[in-house]
Each structure stands twice: as C-alpha cells, then as structure tokens.
Amino acid sequence: MNRTKTNTPGFTIVELLIVIVVIGVLAAVTVVAFNGIQQRANNTKTQQAVAAYAKAMILYAQDNGVYPLPTNLVCLGDEYTEAEKCDGSADLTRAAALKVVLEEYLPGTPPRPAIADVGGRRGALYHAQSYILFTQEGVTQCPSIGGTTRTLGDTAVTGGMWCRASLPAL
C-alpha cells in the first residue's frame, strides 16, 4: 500500500493571524497601562517636591517673618532650561537665588518636580508671597498639599491640571 501524505506539519495562515492579533492586543494593553503608571509617578514626584518646597517656605517665613524672594514666578527645581522652563515669563536666575535662600530648609539635593509639559507649563513655580502653582498630568482634580490650602482654585488644561497650593497668610 502506498499512502501519500497530504498534511504537512506547520501552522495555517489563519492560526498565524490569530497569534499576531493576540500579541498586538496584549502590546496595546501594556502600553496604555505603562502610560498611566508613568503619569502617576510624575504626579507623585511633583506633589512631593511641592510639599517639600512649601514646608521649607513656611519654615523660612516663621524664622524671617516674610516668605522668600518678593519677586514673581520662580521655577522650583534646577533641571529647567531656557527652552523648557516652568512658565514662559519665569526667570531662571531667580530659581538659583531661591535655591540658595532655602538651602538650610531643604537639606541635601533640592527636590525636583517632574517637568512634563501640561498645557504650556512644566513642574512647579512659586508666585512670591502667595502660592505655588504645579502641574498634574492626566487628572481632573488636584491633590491637597500639606501646610497649604487650595483657596485660589485650580485650572483644567489640555493634558491635566494646573494646581494652586496657597501658602498660609503671615
């Protein structure tokens, strides 16, 4: 008896297409989940930096009777560049001066907010004598920062929120 083998081992084109589609779906779910984790990490990093700066400013004010640097719009942190600063009208030389003034209240390396662009602003900035404005990616509500209040309001923008943490009145 002579038997001819008609079935060859291997996968059919349909089986291969199903595997490719399943891998594509898993990859898409992983990318979406990773983006959410990255945003939350950036938001937490910024919140912690703002809380540290707010605490340092409050301690400075308790010691000196006034908040530091009576000038407007100072970037918080030292990773900004002229091309990517916290706000278009902020002066980076003031940021360096603020770092020196707060050095004894911020031991070690100064905290760094995440500087992802959220509606045209990055990270955090200090509006002298009144509040800290900071960015939060992909959220619809701003967090509370210890030692501050949210009396000035928050602003929804493309990609997230600009949050305001008001410093206590002296």
N, C-alpha and C. Protein backbone atom coordinates (compact mmCIF):
# COMPACT_ATOMS: atom_id res chain seq x y z
N MET A 1 0.82 -1.18 0.00
CA MET A 1 0.00 0.00 0.00
C MET A 1 0.87 1.24 0.00
N ASN A 2 0.48 2.11 -0.86
CA ASN A 2 1.19 3.36 -1.00
C ASN A 2 0.32 4.51 -0.48
N ARG A 3 0.73 5.11 0.61
CA ARG A 3 -0.04 6.24 1.18
C ARG A 3 0.69 7.54 0.88
N THR A 4 -0.03 8.46 0.37
CA THR A 4 0.55 9.78 0.12
C THR A 4 0.16 10.69 1.28
N LYS A 5 1.15 11.34 1.83
CA LYS A 5 0.89 12.24 2.96
C LYS A 5 0.44 13.59 2.41
N THR A 6 -0.76 14.00 2.74
CA THR A 6 -1.29 15.26 2.23
C THR A 6 -1.16 16.39 3.26
N ASN A 7 -1.12 16.06 4.52
CA ASN A 7 -0.99 17.09 5.56
C ASN A 7 0.48 17.29 5.90
N THR A 8 0.93 18.53 5.76
CA THR A 8 2.31 18.83 6.15
C THR A 8 2.26 19.50 7.51
N PRO A 9 3.26 19.24 8.34
CA PRO A 9 3.25 19.85 9.66
C PRO A 9 3.48 21.36 9.54
N GLY A 10 2.89 22.13 10.46
CA GLY A 10 3.05 23.58 10.46
C GLY A 10 1.75 24.27 10.81
N PHE A 11 1.80 25.58 10.76
CA PHE A 11 0.63 26.38 11.11
C PHE A 11 -0.04 26.89 9.84
N THR A 12 -1.34 27.04 9.93
CA THR A 12 -2.07 27.63 8.80
C THR A 12 -1.99 29.14 8.90
N ILE A 13 -2.30 29.80 7.84
CA ILE A 13 -2.26 31.27 7.82
C ILE A 13 -3.26 31.85 8.82
N VAL A 14 -4.38 31.21 9.01
CA VAL A 14 -5.38 31.67 9.98
C VAL A 14 -4.83 31.59 11.39
N GLU A 15 -4.18 30.51 11.73
CA GLU A 15 -3.59 30.37 13.06
C GLU A 15 -2.52 31.43 13.31
N LEU A 16 -1.69 31.70 12.32
CA LEU A 16 -0.67 32.74 12.45
C LEU A 16 -1.30 34.12 12.63
N LEU A 17 -2.34 34.41 11.90
CA LEU A 17 -3.03 35.71 12.03
C LEU A 17 -3.64 35.87 13.42
N ILE A 18 -4.21 34.81 13.96
CA ILE A 18 -4.79 34.87 15.30
C ILE A 18 -3.71 35.16 16.33
N VAL A 19 -2.56 34.52 16.22
CA VAL A 19 -1.45 34.76 17.15
C VAL A 19 -0.97 36.20 17.04
N ILE A 20 -0.84 36.72 15.85
CA ILE A 20 -0.40 38.11 15.65
C ILE A 20 -1.39 39.09 16.26
N VAL A 21 -2.68 38.85 16.07
CA VAL A 21 -3.70 39.73 16.64
C VAL A 21 -3.65 39.69 18.17
N VAL A 22 -3.51 38.52 18.75
CA VAL A 22 -3.45 38.40 20.21
C VAL A 22 -2.23 39.15 20.75
N ILE A 23 -1.08 38.99 20.10
CA ILE A 23 0.12 39.71 20.54
C ILE A 23 -0.08 41.22 20.41
N GLY A 24 -0.71 41.67 19.35
CA GLY A 24 -0.99 43.10 19.17
C GLY A 24 -1.88 43.66 20.26
N VAL A 25 -2.91 42.91 20.63
CA VAL A 25 -3.82 43.36 21.69
C VAL A 25 -3.09 43.43 23.02
N LEU A 26 -2.29 42.44 23.33
CA LEU A 26 -1.51 42.45 24.58
C LEU A 26 -0.52 43.62 24.62
N ALA A 27 0.11 43.90 23.49
CA ALA A 27 1.05 45.02 23.43
C ALA A 27 0.32 46.35 23.65
N ALA A 28 -0.84 46.51 23.06
CA ALA A 28 -1.60 47.75 23.22
C ALA A 28 -2.03 47.95 24.68
N VAL A 29 -2.49 46.89 25.32
CA VAL A 29 -2.90 46.98 26.73
C VAL A 29 -1.70 47.33 27.60
N THR A 30 -0.54 46.77 27.33
CA THR A 30 0.66 47.04 28.11
C THR A 30 1.10 48.50 27.96
N VAL A 31 1.06 49.03 26.74
CA VAL A 31 1.46 50.43 26.51
C VAL A 31 0.53 51.38 27.24
N VAL A 32 -0.77 51.14 27.19
CA VAL A 32 -1.74 52.00 27.88
C VAL A 32 -1.52 51.94 29.39
N ALA A 33 -1.30 50.76 29.93
CA ALA A 33 -1.05 50.61 31.37
C ALA A 33 0.24 51.31 31.77
N PHE A 34 1.27 51.22 30.95
CA PHE A 34 2.55 51.86 31.26
C PHE A 34 2.40 53.38 31.27
N ASN A 35 1.67 53.93 30.32
CA ASN A 35 1.47 55.39 30.28
C ASN A 35 0.79 55.88 31.56
N GLY A 36 -0.19 55.17 32.05
CA GLY A 36 -0.86 55.57 33.29
C GLY A 36 0.08 55.53 34.48
N ILE A 37 0.93 54.54 34.54
CA ILE A 37 1.89 54.41 35.63
C ILE A 37 2.89 55.55 35.58
N GLN A 38 3.36 55.89 34.40
CA GLN A 38 4.33 56.97 34.24
C GLN A 38 3.72 58.31 34.66
N GLN A 39 2.47 58.57 34.28
CA GLN A 39 1.80 59.81 34.69
C GLN A 39 1.66 59.88 36.20
N ARG A 40 1.23 58.79 36.82
CA ARG A 40 1.07 58.78 38.27
C ARG A 40 2.41 59.00 38.97
N ALA A 41 3.47 58.41 38.44
CA ALA A 41 4.80 58.60 39.03
C ALA A 41 5.24 60.06 38.91
N ASN A 42 5.02 60.67 37.75
CA ASN A 42 5.35 62.09 37.57
C ASN A 42 4.54 62.96 38.52
N ASN A 43 3.26 62.67 38.66
CA ASN A 43 2.40 63.45 39.55
C ASN A 43 2.87 63.33 41.00
N THR A 44 3.20 62.12 41.42
CA THR A 44 3.66 61.91 42.80
C THR A 44 4.98 62.63 43.03
N LYS A 45 5.89 62.55 42.07
CA LYS A 45 7.18 63.24 42.19
C LYS A 45 6.96 64.75 42.35
N THR A 46 6.07 65.32 41.56
CA THR A 46 5.79 66.75 41.64
C THR A 46 5.13 67.10 42.96
N GLN A 47 4.17 66.30 43.41
CA GLN A 47 3.50 66.56 44.69
C GLN A 47 4.49 66.55 45.84
N GLN A 48 5.39 65.59 45.85
CA GLN A 48 6.39 65.50 46.93
C GLN A 48 7.34 66.69 46.90
N ALA A 49 7.75 67.11 45.70
CA ALA A 49 8.63 68.27 45.58
C ALA A 49 7.93 69.53 46.06
N VAL A 50 6.67 69.72 45.66
CA VAL A 50 5.90 70.90 46.07
C VAL A 50 5.71 70.90 47.58
N ALA A 51 5.41 69.75 48.16
CA ALA A 51 5.24 69.67 49.61
C ALA A 51 6.53 70.05 50.33
N ALA A 52 7.68 69.59 49.82
CA ALA A 52 8.97 69.93 50.45
C ALA A 52 9.25 71.42 50.33
N TYR A 53 9.01 72.00 49.16
CA TYR A 53 9.23 73.44 48.99
C TYR A 53 8.27 74.25 49.85
N ALA A 54 7.01 73.84 49.92
CA ALA A 54 6.03 74.56 50.74
C ALA A 54 6.45 74.54 52.21
N LYS A 55 6.87 73.38 52.67
CA LYS A 55 7.32 73.27 54.06
C LYS A 55 8.54 74.16 54.31
N ALA A 56 9.50 74.15 53.38
CA ALA A 56 10.69 74.99 53.52
C ALA A 56 10.32 76.48 53.54
N MET A 57 9.39 76.87 52.69
CA MET A 57 8.98 78.28 52.65
C MET A 57 8.25 78.70 53.92
N ILE A 58 7.44 77.81 54.43
CA ILE A 58 6.72 78.10 55.68
C ILE A 58 7.72 78.22 56.83
N LEU A 59 8.70 77.32 56.90
CA LEU A 59 9.73 77.40 57.94
C LEU A 59 10.55 78.69 57.79
N TYR A 60 10.90 79.04 56.55
CA TYR A 60 11.64 80.27 56.30
C TYR A 60 10.82 81.47 56.79
N ALA A 61 9.54 81.48 56.47
CA ALA A 61 8.67 82.60 56.89
C ALA A 61 8.55 82.67 58.41
N GLN A 62 8.51 81.53 59.08
CA GLN A 62 8.45 81.54 60.55
C GLN A 62 9.71 82.13 61.15
N ASP A 63 10.85 81.85 60.52
CA ASP A 63 12.12 82.38 61.02
C ASP A 63 12.34 83.85 60.66
N ASN A 64 11.83 84.29 59.50
CA ASN A 64 12.15 85.61 58.98
C ASN A 64 10.97 86.58 58.92
N GLY A 65 9.77 86.09 59.18
CA GLY A 65 8.59 86.95 59.16
C GLY A 65 8.07 87.30 57.77
N VAL A 66 8.68 86.74 56.74
CA VAL A 66 8.27 87.01 55.35
C VAL A 66 8.66 85.79 54.50
N TYR A 67 7.90 85.55 53.44
CA TYR A 67 8.27 84.47 52.52
C TYR A 67 9.47 84.91 51.70
N PRO A 68 10.26 83.96 51.20
CA PRO A 68 11.47 84.32 50.45
C PRO A 68 11.17 84.96 49.10
N LEU A 69 12.11 85.76 48.64
CA LEU A 69 12.10 86.38 47.31
C LEU A 69 10.78 87.06 46.95
N PRO A 70 10.68 88.34 47.19
CA PRO A 70 9.43 89.04 46.87
C PRO A 70 9.32 89.38 45.38
N THR A 71 9.68 88.45 44.51
CA THR A 71 9.52 88.62 43.07
C THR A 71 8.62 87.50 42.56
N ASN A 72 8.02 87.71 41.42
CA ASN A 72 7.04 86.75 40.91
C ASN A 72 7.67 85.65 40.05
N LEU A 73 6.97 84.54 39.96
CA LEU A 73 7.24 83.44 39.05
C LEU A 73 8.68 82.92 39.07
N VAL A 74 8.95 82.09 40.05
CA VAL A 74 10.25 81.45 40.21
C VAL A 74 10.06 79.95 40.05
N CYS A 75 10.82 79.33 39.14
CA CYS A 75 10.73 77.88 38.94
C CYS A 75 11.28 77.16 40.17
N LEU A 76 10.62 76.09 40.58
CA LEU A 76 11.08 75.27 41.70
C LEU A 76 11.82 74.06 41.16
N GLY A 77 13.10 73.97 41.50
CA GLY A 77 13.95 72.90 40.99
C GLY A 77 15.03 73.48 40.12
N ASP A 78 15.99 72.65 39.75
CA ASP A 78 17.13 73.16 38.99
C ASP A 78 17.33 72.47 37.64
N GLU A 79 16.35 71.73 37.18
CA GLU A 79 16.51 71.00 35.93
C GLU A 79 15.92 71.72 34.71
N TYR A 80 15.44 72.94 34.89
CA TYR A 80 14.83 73.68 33.79
C TYR A 80 15.91 74.29 32.88
N THR A 81 15.54 74.51 31.63
CA THR A 81 16.41 75.20 30.69
C THR A 81 15.64 76.39 30.15
N GLU A 82 16.31 77.28 29.43
CA GLU A 82 15.61 78.43 28.84
C GLU A 82 14.51 77.97 27.89
N ALA A 83 14.76 76.87 27.18
CA ALA A 83 13.77 76.36 26.24
C ALA A 83 12.61 75.66 26.94
N GLU A 84 12.87 75.07 28.10
CA GLU A 84 11.84 74.33 28.83
C GLU A 84 11.83 74.77 30.28
N LYS A 85 11.27 75.94 30.54
CA LYS A 85 11.16 76.39 31.92
C LYS A 85 9.74 76.22 32.40
N CYS A 86 9.52 76.43 33.69
CA CYS A 86 8.22 76.15 34.30
C CYS A 86 7.11 77.03 33.71
N ASP A 87 7.46 78.26 33.33
CA ASP A 87 6.50 79.20 32.76
C ASP A 87 7.28 80.13 31.84
N GLY A 88 6.64 80.57 30.77
CA GLY A 88 7.34 81.41 29.81
C GLY A 88 7.92 82.68 30.38
N SER A 89 7.31 83.24 31.43
CA SER A 89 7.80 84.51 31.98
C SER A 89 8.68 84.33 33.21
N ALA A 90 8.98 83.10 33.59
CA ALA A 90 9.83 82.86 34.77
C ALA A 90 11.29 83.15 34.44
N ASP A 91 12.02 83.62 35.44
CA ASP A 91 13.44 83.93 35.30
C ASP A 91 14.24 82.86 36.04
N LEU A 92 15.09 82.14 35.31
CA LEU A 92 15.84 81.04 35.92
C LEU A 92 16.89 81.52 36.92
N THR A 93 17.35 82.76 36.83
CA THR A 93 18.32 83.25 37.82
C THR A 93 17.65 83.38 39.18
N ARG A 94 16.37 83.69 39.18
CA ARG A 94 15.65 83.75 40.46
C ARG A 94 15.53 82.37 41.08
N ALA A 95 15.42 81.33 40.24
CA ALA A 95 15.34 79.96 40.74
C ALA A 95 16.62 79.60 41.49
N ALA A 96 17.76 80.01 40.95
CA ALA A 96 19.04 79.74 41.61
C ALA A 96 19.12 80.51 42.93
N ALA A 97 18.62 81.75 42.94
CA ALA A 97 18.63 82.54 44.18
C ALA A 97 17.72 81.92 45.23
N LEU A 98 16.56 81.42 44.82
CA LEU A 98 15.64 80.78 45.76
C LEU A 98 16.28 79.53 46.35
N LYS A 99 16.99 78.78 45.53
CA LYS A 99 17.67 77.57 46.00
C LYS A 99 18.65 77.92 47.12
N VAL A 100 19.40 79.01 46.96
CA VAL A 100 20.37 79.44 47.97
C VAL A 100 19.65 79.86 49.25
N VAL A 101 18.57 80.62 49.11
CA VAL A 101 17.82 81.12 50.27
C VAL A 101 17.23 79.96 51.08
N LEU A 102 16.75 78.94 50.40
CA LEU A 102 16.08 77.82 51.08
C LEU A 102 17.01 76.66 51.43
N GLU A 103 18.28 76.80 51.14
CA GLU A 103 19.22 75.70 51.29
C GLU A 103 19.21 75.09 52.70
N GLU A 104 19.11 75.90 53.74
CA GLU A 104 19.13 75.34 55.10
C GLU A 104 17.81 74.65 55.44
N TYR A 105 16.74 74.96 54.71
CA TYR A 105 15.44 74.35 54.96
C TYR A 105 15.18 73.14 54.06
N LEU A 106 16.02 72.96 53.06
CA LEU A 106 15.93 71.81 52.15
C LEU A 106 17.25 71.05 52.19
N PRO A 107 17.45 70.21 53.20
CA PRO A 107 18.73 69.50 53.30
C PRO A 107 18.95 68.55 52.13
N GLY A 108 20.20 68.42 51.72
CA GLY A 108 20.53 67.51 50.62
C GLY A 108 20.19 68.12 49.28
N THR A 109 19.95 67.25 48.32
CA THR A 109 19.62 67.69 46.97
C THR A 109 18.21 68.27 46.95
N PRO A 110 18.04 69.46 46.39
CA PRO A 110 16.69 70.05 46.33
C PRO A 110 15.74 69.14 45.56
N PRO A 111 14.48 69.06 45.98
CA PRO A 111 13.52 68.20 45.28
C PRO A 111 13.29 68.70 43.86
N ARG A 112 13.01 67.76 42.98
CA ARG A 112 12.78 68.09 41.57
C ARG A 112 11.40 67.65 41.15
N PRO A 113 10.55 68.59 40.80
CA PRO A 113 9.25 68.19 40.25
C PRO A 113 9.44 67.60 38.85
N ALA A 114 8.53 66.76 38.44
CA ALA A 114 8.56 66.24 37.07
C ALA A 114 8.27 67.41 36.14
N ILE A 115 8.96 67.48 35.01
CA ILE A 115 8.78 68.65 34.15
C ILE A 115 8.09 68.33 32.83
N ALA A 116 7.17 67.40 32.84
CA ALA A 116 6.39 67.13 31.64
C ALA A 116 5.50 68.33 31.35
N ASP A 117 5.33 68.65 30.08
CA ASP A 117 4.52 69.80 29.68
C ASP A 117 3.04 69.48 29.88
N VAL A 118 2.37 70.31 30.66
CA VAL A 118 0.93 70.17 30.87
C VAL A 118 0.30 71.53 30.54
N GLY A 119 -0.28 71.62 29.36
CA GLY A 119 -0.95 72.85 28.95
C GLY A 119 -0.05 74.07 28.93
N GLY A 120 1.23 73.90 28.58
CA GLY A 120 2.13 75.03 28.47
C GLY A 120 2.96 75.34 29.69
N ARG A 121 2.77 74.62 30.77
CA ARG A 121 3.60 74.80 31.97
C ARG A 121 4.26 73.48 32.31
N ARG A 122 5.35 73.57 33.08
CA ARG A 122 6.10 72.37 33.48
C ARG A 122 6.40 72.44 34.96
N GLY A 123 6.34 71.29 35.63
CA GLY A 123 6.79 71.19 37.01
C GLY A 123 6.06 72.08 37.97
N ALA A 124 6.80 73.00 38.61
CA ALA A 124 6.20 73.85 39.64
C ALA A 124 6.86 75.22 39.64
N LEU A 125 6.07 76.22 39.99
CA LEU A 125 6.61 77.57 40.12
C LEU A 125 6.05 78.23 41.37
N TYR A 126 6.83 79.14 41.88
CA TYR A 126 6.49 79.87 43.11
C TYR A 126 6.07 81.28 42.72
N HIS A 127 4.87 81.64 43.08
CA HIS A 127 4.39 83.01 42.90
C HIS A 127 4.59 83.69 44.24
N ALA A 128 5.62 84.50 44.32
CA ALA A 128 6.12 85.04 45.58
C ALA A 128 5.02 85.52 46.52
N GLN A 129 5.19 85.14 47.76
CA GLN A 129 4.35 85.59 48.87
C GLN A 129 2.90 85.10 48.81
N SER A 130 2.58 84.19 47.87
CA SER A 130 1.18 83.79 47.86
C SER A 130 0.92 82.31 47.56
N TYR A 131 1.46 81.74 46.49
CA TYR A 131 1.12 80.35 46.19
C TYR A 131 2.19 79.67 45.35
N ILE A 132 2.06 78.35 45.28
CA ILE A 132 2.87 77.51 44.40
C ILE A 132 1.92 76.94 43.37
N LEU A 133 2.26 77.09 42.11
CA LEU A 133 1.47 76.53 41.02
C LEU A 133 2.23 75.30 40.51
N PHE A 134 1.55 74.16 40.40
CA PHE A 134 2.23 72.95 39.93
C PHE A 134 1.34 72.19 38.97
N THR A 135 1.99 71.37 38.12
CA THR A 135 1.27 70.64 37.10
C THR A 135 0.98 69.21 37.53
N GLN A 136 -0.14 68.69 37.05
CA GLN A 136 -0.52 67.29 37.27
C GLN A 136 -1.02 66.75 35.95
N GLU A 137 -0.43 65.65 35.49
CA GLU A 137 -0.77 65.07 34.19
C GLU A 137 -2.00 64.19 34.28
N GLY A 138 -2.88 64.29 33.28
CA GLY A 138 -3.97 63.36 33.10
C GLY A 138 -4.94 63.23 34.25
N VAL A 139 -5.15 64.29 35.04
CA VAL A 139 -6.08 64.24 36.17
C VAL A 139 -7.18 65.27 35.97
N THR A 140 -8.24 65.13 36.74
CA THR A 140 -9.33 66.10 36.68
C THR A 140 -9.54 66.79 38.02
N GLN A 141 -8.73 66.43 39.01
CA GLN A 141 -8.83 67.05 40.33
C GLN A 141 -7.43 67.15 40.93
N CYS A 142 -7.18 68.26 41.61
CA CYS A 142 -5.86 68.50 42.21
C CYS A 142 -5.79 67.92 43.61
N PRO A 143 -4.59 67.46 43.99
CA PRO A 143 -4.39 66.92 45.34
C PRO A 143 -4.19 68.04 46.35
N SER A 144 -4.35 67.72 47.61
CA SER A 144 -4.04 68.66 48.68
C SER A 144 -2.56 68.51 49.01
N ILE A 145 -1.92 69.62 49.34
CA ILE A 145 -0.52 69.63 49.74
C ILE A 145 -0.48 70.10 51.18
N GLY A 146 0.15 69.32 52.06
CA GLY A 146 0.21 69.65 53.48
C GLY A 146 0.75 71.04 53.76
N GLY A 147 0.11 71.77 54.66
CA GLY A 147 0.53 73.10 55.05
C GLY A 147 -0.01 74.20 54.17
N THR A 148 -0.70 73.83 53.07
CA THR A 148 -1.24 74.83 52.15
C THR A 148 -2.75 74.64 52.02
N THR A 149 -3.39 75.60 51.37
CA THR A 149 -4.82 75.48 51.07
C THR A 149 -5.00 75.64 49.56
N ARG A 150 -6.19 75.32 49.08
CA ARG A 150 -6.49 75.44 47.66
C ARG A 150 -7.50 76.56 47.42
N THR A 151 -7.36 77.67 48.11
CA THR A 151 -8.35 78.74 48.03
C THR A 151 -8.32 79.50 46.71
N LEU A 152 -7.22 79.48 45.97
CA LEU A 152 -7.14 80.24 44.73
C LEU A 152 -7.74 79.49 43.55
N GLY A 153 -8.04 78.25 43.72
CA GLY A 153 -8.65 77.49 42.63
C GLY A 153 -7.62 76.79 41.76
N ASP A 154 -8.09 75.89 40.95
CA ASP A 154 -7.27 75.10 40.06
C ASP A 154 -7.80 75.30 38.64
N THR A 155 -6.99 75.00 37.64
CA THR A 155 -7.37 75.22 36.25
C THR A 155 -7.20 73.95 35.43
N ALA A 156 -8.28 73.51 34.79
CA ALA A 156 -8.19 72.36 33.89
C ALA A 156 -7.58 72.83 32.57
N VAL A 157 -6.60 72.10 32.07
CA VAL A 157 -5.95 72.42 30.80
C VAL A 157 -5.80 71.14 30.00
N THR A 158 -5.41 71.28 28.75
CA THR A 158 -5.18 70.12 27.91
C THR A 158 -4.08 69.26 28.52
N GLY A 159 -4.40 68.02 28.82
CA GLY A 159 -3.42 67.09 29.36
C GLY A 159 -3.41 66.97 30.87
N GLY A 160 -4.23 67.76 31.58
CA GLY A 160 -4.24 67.65 33.03
C GLY A 160 -4.74 68.88 33.74
N MET A 161 -4.05 69.27 34.82
CA MET A 161 -4.47 70.40 35.66
C MET A 161 -3.27 71.24 36.05
N TRP A 162 -3.52 72.54 36.22
CA TRP A 162 -2.60 73.42 36.93
C TRP A 162 -3.19 73.58 38.31
N CYS A 163 -2.46 73.19 39.30
CA CYS A 163 -2.96 73.19 40.68
C CYS A 163 -2.29 74.31 41.46
N ARG A 164 -3.08 74.95 42.34
CA ARG A 164 -2.54 76.03 43.16
C ARG A 164 -2.58 75.63 44.62
N ALA A 165 -1.44 75.76 45.26
CA ALA A 165 -1.31 75.49 46.69
C ALA A 165 -0.99 76.83 47.36
N SER A 166 -1.96 77.40 48.04
CA SER A 166 -1.78 78.72 48.67
C SER A 166 -1.02 78.58 49.98
N LEU A 167 -0.03 79.43 50.16
CA LEU A 167 0.75 79.44 51.39
C LEU A 167 -0.05 80.17 52.45
N PRO A 168 0.12 79.81 53.73
CA PRO A 168 -0.63 80.48 54.81
C PRO A 168 -0.29 81.96 54.89
N ALA A 169 -1.28 82.77 55.21
CA ALA A 169 -1.05 84.21 55.39
C ALA A 169 -0.18 84.43 56.62
N LEU A 170 0.66 85.42 56.55
CA LEU A 170 1.55 85.74 57.68
C LEU A 170 0.92 86.79 58.57
